[in-house]
Protein backbone atom coordinates (compact mmCIF):
# COMPACT_ATOMS: atom_id res chain seq x y z
CA GLN A 1 -214.52 -93.36 157.81
CA VAL A 2 -216.69 -96.19 158.65
CA GLN A 3 -217.07 -97.39 162.32
CA PHE A 4 -218.35 -100.94 162.99
CA VAL A 5 -219.73 -101.97 166.73
CA GLU A 6 -220.11 -105.48 167.63
CA SER A 7 -223.09 -107.36 169.99
CA GLY A 8 -224.26 -109.98 171.16
CA GLY A 9 -221.69 -112.44 172.52
CA GLY A 10 -221.71 -114.34 175.66
CA LEU A 11 -221.65 -117.75 177.45
CA VAL A 12 -223.71 -120.73 176.20
CA PRO A 13 -223.54 -124.25 176.21
CA PRO A 14 -222.39 -126.68 173.63
CA GLY A 15 -225.33 -126.98 171.34
CA GLY A 16 -226.89 -123.71 172.27
CA SER A 17 -227.71 -120.55 169.69
CA LEU A 18 -226.46 -117.03 169.33
CA ARG A 19 -227.12 -114.01 167.52
CA LEU A 20 -224.77 -111.33 166.96
CA SER A 21 -225.32 -107.92 165.65
CA CYS A 22 -222.64 -105.52 164.18
CA VAL A 23 -223.88 -101.76 163.16
CA ALA A 24 -221.56 -99.64 161.08
CA SER A 25 -221.38 -96.05 161.10
CA GLY A 26 -221.44 -94.30 157.82
CA SER A 27 -223.81 -93.84 154.89
CA ARG A 28 -222.56 -95.97 151.95
CA PHE A 29 -222.76 -99.74 154.00
CA SER A 30 -224.53 -101.04 151.29
CA ASN A 31 -221.94 -100.53 149.56
CA TYR A 32 -219.88 -102.94 151.18
CA ALA A 33 -219.55 -106.85 151.14
CA MET A 34 -219.39 -107.04 155.11
CA GLY A 35 -217.98 -110.54 156.48
CA TRP A 36 -217.56 -111.66 160.33
CA TYR A 37 -214.59 -113.04 161.46
CA ARG A 38 -213.07 -114.33 164.80
CA GLN A 39 -209.66 -114.78 166.64
CA ALA A 40 -209.25 -117.83 169.24
CA PRO A 41 -206.63 -117.69 171.76
CA GLY A 42 -203.49 -118.56 170.14
CA LYS A 43 -204.96 -118.49 166.71
CA GLN A 44 -205.03 -116.27 163.62
CA ARG A 45 -208.22 -114.40 163.02
CA GLU A 46 -210.02 -116.00 160.77
CA LEU A 47 -213.10 -115.55 158.05
CA VAL A 48 -216.59 -117.05 159.34
CA ALA A 49 -219.16 -115.52 156.76
CA GLY A 50 -219.32 -113.33 154.63
CA ILE A 51 -222.17 -111.46 152.29
CA ARG A 52 -221.81 -109.19 149.17
CA ILE A 53 -223.57 -106.59 148.18
CA ASP A 54 -226.08 -108.37 145.74
CA GLY A 55 -226.92 -111.27 148.85
CA ARG A 56 -224.51 -113.97 147.97
CA ARG A 57 -223.40 -115.43 151.08
CA THR A 58 -220.11 -117.50 152.10
CA TYR A 59 -219.28 -119.83 155.16
CA ALA A 60 -216.06 -121.65 156.49
CA ASP A 61 -216.52 -125.06 156.05
CA SER A 62 -216.43 -125.56 159.98
CA VAL A 63 -219.49 -123.54 160.74
CA LYS A 64 -221.74 -124.15 157.57
CA VAL A 65 -225.20 -125.49 157.82
CA ARG A 66 -224.77 -123.83 161.60
CA PHE A 67 -224.62 -120.52 161.05
CA THR A 68 -226.26 -117.67 159.09
CA ILE A 69 -225.21 -114.33 158.05
CA SER A 70 -227.74 -111.69 156.99
CA ARG A 71 -227.59 -107.99 156.41
CA ASP A 72 -230.50 -105.06 157.10
CA ASN A 73 -229.26 -102.41 155.01
CA ALA A 74 -231.43 -99.45 155.96
CA LYS A 75 -230.41 -100.27 159.59
CA ASN A 76 -226.71 -100.67 158.60
CA THR A 77 -226.31 -103.72 160.07
CA VAL A 78 -225.01 -107.24 159.57
CA TYR A 79 -225.95 -110.29 161.43
CA LEU A 80 -224.52 -113.49 162.17
CA GLN A 81 -227.03 -116.38 163.28
CA MET A 82 -224.97 -118.95 165.15
CA ASN A 83 -226.56 -122.83 166.09
CA SER A 84 -225.86 -125.71 167.34
CA LEU A 85 -222.60 -124.25 169.18
CA LYS A 86 -219.57 -126.14 169.86
CA PRO A 87 -216.46 -125.61 172.37
CA GLU A 88 -214.37 -124.66 168.94
CA ASP A 89 -216.53 -121.66 167.97
CA THR A 90 -214.80 -119.73 171.36
CA ALA A 91 -213.30 -116.76 170.11
CA VAL A 92 -213.84 -113.32 169.73
CA TYR A 93 -216.09 -112.31 166.73
CA TYR A 94 -215.63 -109.23 164.45
CA CYS A 95 -217.27 -107.46 161.41
CA SER A 96 -215.51 -105.76 158.77
CA SER A 97 -215.60 -104.41 155.65
CA ALA A 98 -214.39 -106.69 152.75
CA VAL A 99 -212.42 -106.41 149.82
CA GLY A 100 -211.92 -108.96 146.64
CA ASP A 101 -211.76 -112.62 147.96
CA TRP A 102 -212.69 -111.68 151.68
CA ALA A 103 -209.94 -109.80 152.87
CA PRO A 104 -210.68 -107.54 155.58
CA SER A 105 -211.01 -103.52 154.96
CA GLY A 106 -208.73 -103.26 158.38
CA VAL A 107 -211.28 -101.47 160.09
CA TRP A 108 -211.89 -103.53 163.35
CA GLY A 109 -214.41 -103.04 165.92
CA GLN A 110 -213.91 -103.78 169.38
CA GLY A 111 -215.33 -107.42 168.86
CA THR A 112 -217.63 -109.67 170.71
CA LYS A 113 -216.58 -112.80 173.23
CA VAL A 114 -218.03 -115.84 172.83
CA ILE A 115 -217.56 -118.46 175.01
CA VAL A 116 -218.81 -122.48 174.45
CA SER A 117 -218.94 -124.21 177.43
CA SER A 118 -220.53 -126.09 180.01
């Protein structure tokens, strides 16, 4: 079964940037649509950005223009470049494979925490 390991989170001031990485185990990474999801305290987990196997991307309205998702199939890795961070971006960020209309597969890593604060 595929597993995911996220990294790259941290404490950053408003307006700052971070690059998250998610490495997937297994040899079929290139066959998966991949999504970045986040969960803020007291809120439900939500899709932040997704990338399909053909490279088509989707973004939550709240992060459009500021965030960019990309993937490197040779490295089994999906990235999330986050710019112009806002306090409301504070959350634990997870990656997962996705099916259909970005429903997560249910396989989660440990997540990486992003805190945007001055």
